[in-house]
Amino acid sequence: MDNIQVSTGTSAARIVARLKRDAPDIAARLAAGEFRSARAAGIEAGIVKPESLLTTIRRAWKRMTPAADWFDALSGGCYLAAFRLFRSGQARLCRAADLT
C-alpha cells in the first residue's frame, strides 16, 4: 500500500488516499477505470456526500444572470418564482398559478 500523507480536503488525491485506506476494492475499480472520477468512486464508497438538490438550486441561483431574469419575465415568472421559493427555504407544493 502507498504511504500517502494527505490529511484534509476534498481533492482527488485525498479521495484516492481515503479509498486506498478505507475501501481498497473500490480503489482498485477506480484504478481500472470503472469510475468516471475519484469523486464518483468516493460517493460509491460513502466517503463523499453527494450534493443535495437544494444546494444545487441555490448555487444556480447565485449564478443567475440578468439575462436569465429577462427570460423569466418573458416566460411568465414561474422560473424565477420557483427559485425564490427554494432560496427562501419556503419550498412547497403549489399550482403554477400560485407562482406568478
C-alpha atoms as a PDB file:
ATOM      1  CA  MET A   1       0.000   0.000   0.000  1.00  0.00           C
ATOM      2  CA  ASP A   2       1.203   3.518  -0.816  1.00  0.00           C
ATOM      3  CA  ASN A   3       2.185   5.727   2.082  1.00  0.00           C
ATOM      4  CA  ILE A   4       0.221   8.854   1.105  1.00  0.00           C
ATOM      5  CA  GLN A   5       0.207  11.772   3.538  1.00  0.00           C
ATOM      6  CA  VAL A   6      -2.847  13.819   2.500  1.00  0.00           C
ATOM      7  CA  SER A   7      -4.653  14.814   5.666  1.00  0.00           C
ATOM      8  CA  THR A   8      -7.570  17.080   4.773  1.00  0.00           C
ATOM      9  CA  GLY A   9      -9.622  18.442   1.907  1.00  0.00           C
ATOM     10  CA  THR A  10     -11.773  17.192  -0.902  1.00  0.00           C
ATOM     11  CA  SER A  11      -9.178  16.940  -3.649  1.00  0.00           C
ATOM     12  CA  ALA A  12      -8.934  13.889  -5.863  1.00  0.00           C
ATOM     13  CA  ALA A  13      -5.668  12.948  -4.144  1.00  0.00           C
ATOM     14  CA  ARG A  14      -7.379  12.991  -0.741  1.00  0.00           C
ATOM     15  CA  ILE A  15     -10.298  10.908  -2.002  1.00  0.00           C
ATOM     16  CA  VAL A  16      -7.945   8.345  -3.567  1.00  0.00           C
ATOM     17  CA  ALA A  17      -5.957   8.144  -0.326  1.00  0.00           C
ATOM     18  CA  ARG A  18      -9.137   7.524   1.677  1.00  0.00           C
ATOM     19  CA  LEU A  19     -10.286   4.918  -0.845  1.00  0.00           C
ATOM     20  CA  LYS A  20      -6.971   3.078  -0.595  1.00  0.00           C
ATOM     21  CA  ARG A  21      -7.239   3.103   3.183  1.00  0.00           C
ATOM     22  CA  ASP A  22     -10.980   2.508   3.731  1.00  0.00           C
ATOM     23  CA  ALA A  23     -12.222   0.815   0.551  1.00  0.00           C
ATOM     24  CA  PRO A  24      -9.359  -0.878  -1.310  1.00  0.00           C
ATOM     25  CA  ASP A  25     -11.778  -2.800  -3.550  1.00  0.00           C
ATOM     26  CA  ILE A  26     -13.313   0.441  -4.854  1.00  0.00           C
ATOM     27  CA  ALA A  27      -9.829   1.978  -5.174  1.00  0.00           C
ATOM     28  CA  ALA A  28      -8.873  -0.928  -7.419  1.00  0.00           C
ATOM     29  CA  ARG A  29     -12.019  -0.412  -9.503  1.00  0.00           C
ATOM     30  CA  LEU A  30     -11.149   3.300  -9.810  1.00  0.00           C
ATOM     31  CA  ALA A  31      -7.628   2.428 -10.976  1.00  0.00           C
ATOM     32  CA  ALA A  32      -9.130   0.046 -13.545  1.00  0.00           C
ATOM     33  CA  GLY A  33     -11.173   2.933 -14.977  1.00  0.00           C
ATOM     34  CA  GLU A  34     -14.577   1.755 -13.818  1.00  0.00           C
ATOM     35  CA  PHE A  35     -15.461   5.172 -12.364  1.00  0.00           C
ATOM     36  CA  ARG A  36     -15.580   8.485 -14.187  1.00  0.00           C
ATOM     37  CA  SER A  37     -13.795  10.318 -11.361  1.00  0.00           C
ATOM     38  CA  ALA A  38     -12.386   9.907  -7.873  1.00  0.00           C
ATOM     39  CA  ARG A  39     -15.442  11.750  -6.586  1.00  0.00           C
ATOM     40  CA  ALA A  40     -17.788   9.206  -8.196  1.00  0.00           C
ATOM     41  CA  ALA A  41     -15.820   6.393  -6.557  1.00  0.00           C
ATOM     42  CA  GLY A  42     -15.919   8.265  -3.247  1.00  0.00           C
ATOM     43  CA  ILE A  43     -19.696   8.574  -3.462  1.00  0.00           C
ATOM     44  CA  GLU A  44     -19.957   4.842  -4.182  1.00  0.00           C
ATOM     45  CA  ALA A  45     -17.810   4.103  -1.124  1.00  0.00           C
ATOM     46  CA  GLY A  46     -19.730   6.529   1.093  1.00  0.00           C
ATOM     47  CA  ILE A  47     -16.673   8.730   1.630  1.00  0.00           C
ATOM     48  CA  VAL A  48     -18.043  11.697  -0.320  1.00  0.00           C
ATOM     49  CA  LYS A  49     -21.524  13.010   0.389  1.00  0.00           C
ATOM     50  CA  PRO A  50     -23.432  13.884  -2.784  1.00  0.00           C
ATOM     51  CA  GLU A  51     -24.764  17.415  -3.033  1.00  0.00           C
ATOM     52  CA  SER A  52     -28.452  17.892  -2.276  1.00  0.00           C
ATOM     53  CA  LEU A  53     -30.853  19.217  -4.892  1.00  0.00           C
ATOM     54  CA  LEU A  54     -31.495  22.301  -2.775  1.00  0.00           C
ATOM     55  CA  THR A  55     -27.770  23.130  -2.669  1.00  0.00           C
ATOM     56  CA  THR A  56     -27.581  22.743  -6.451  1.00  0.00           C
ATOM     57  CA  ILE A  57     -30.525  25.102  -6.904  1.00  0.00           C
ATOM     58  CA  ARG A  58     -29.050  27.650  -4.510  1.00  0.00           C
ATOM     59  CA  ARG A  59     -25.738  27.598  -6.388  1.00  0.00           C
ATOM     60  CA  ALA A  60     -27.566  28.092  -9.680  1.00  0.00           C
ATOM     61  CA  TRP A  61     -29.496  30.990  -8.148  1.00  0.00           C
ATOM     62  CA  LYS A  62     -26.265  32.772  -7.223  1.00  0.00           C
ATOM     63  CA  ARG A  63     -25.011  32.396 -10.812  1.00  0.00           C
ATOM     64  CA  MET A  64     -28.281  33.602 -12.311  1.00  0.00           C
ATOM     65  CA  THR A  65     -27.582  36.445 -14.735  1.00  0.00           C
ATOM     66  CA  PRO A  66     -29.744  39.424 -15.692  1.00  0.00           C
ATOM     67  CA  ALA A  67     -30.384  37.588 -18.980  1.00  0.00           C
ATOM     68  CA  ALA A  68     -31.999  34.776 -17.002  1.00  0.00           C
ATOM     69  CA  ASP A  69     -34.173  37.356 -15.226  1.00  0.00           C
ATOM     70  CA  TRP A  70     -35.195  38.734 -18.624  1.00  0.00           C
ATOM     71  CA  PHE A  71     -36.072  35.230 -19.854  1.00  0.00           C
ATOM     72  CA  ASP A  72     -38.094  34.666 -16.719  1.00  0.00           C
ATOM     73  CA  ALA A  73     -40.072  37.856 -17.278  1.00  0.00           C
ATOM     74  CA  LEU A  74     -40.943  36.662 -20.780  1.00  0.00           C
ATOM     75  CA  SER A  75     -41.918  33.175 -19.598  1.00  0.00           C
ATOM     76  CA  GLY A  76     -44.474  34.417 -17.102  1.00  0.00           C
ATOM     77  CA  GLY A  77     -42.393  34.464 -13.938  1.00  0.00           C
ATOM     78  CA  CYS A  78     -42.629  30.775 -12.996  1.00  0.00           C
ATOM     79  CA  TYR A  79     -38.902  30.102 -13.280  1.00  0.00           C
ATOM     80  CA  LEU A  80     -37.785  32.919 -11.010  1.00  0.00           C
ATOM     81  CA  ALA A  81     -40.643  32.427  -8.541  1.00  0.00           C
ATOM     82  CA  ALA A  82     -39.714  28.754  -8.101  1.00  0.00           C
ATOM     83  CA  PHE A  83     -36.096  29.691  -7.386  1.00  0.00           C
ATOM     84  CA  ARG A  84     -37.213  32.355  -4.919  1.00  0.00           C
ATOM     85  CA  LEU A  85     -39.261  29.756  -3.050  1.00  0.00           C
ATOM     86  CA  PHE A  86     -36.279  27.404  -2.807  1.00  0.00           C
ATOM     87  CA  ARG A  87     -33.892  30.205  -1.858  1.00  0.00           C
ATOM     88  CA  SER A  88     -36.129  31.391   0.959  1.00  0.00           C
ATOM     89  CA  GLY A  89     -36.492  27.852   2.291  1.00  0.00           C
ATOM     90  CA  GLN A  90     -40.262  28.021   1.869  1.00  0.00           C
ATOM     91  CA  ALA A  91     -40.500  25.481  -0.935  1.00  0.00           C
ATOM     92  CA  ARG A  92     -43.866  23.805  -1.019  1.00  0.00           C
ATOM     93  CA  LEU A  93     -46.161  22.101  -3.472  1.00  0.00           C
ATOM     94  CA  CYS A  94     -48.300  24.602  -5.303  1.00  0.00           C
ATOM     95  CA  ARG A  95     -50.112  25.192  -8.560  1.00  0.00           C
ATOM     96  CA  ALA A  96     -48.367  27.066 -11.368  1.00  0.00           C
ATOM     97  CA  ALA A  97     -50.875  29.911 -10.915  1.00  0.00           C
ATOM     98  CA  ASP A  98     -49.611  30.386  -7.341  1.00  0.00           C
ATOM     99  CA  LEU A  99     -46.086  31.156  -8.578  1.00  0.00           C
ATOM    100  CA  THR A 100     -46.955  34.317 -10.547  1.00  0.00           C
END
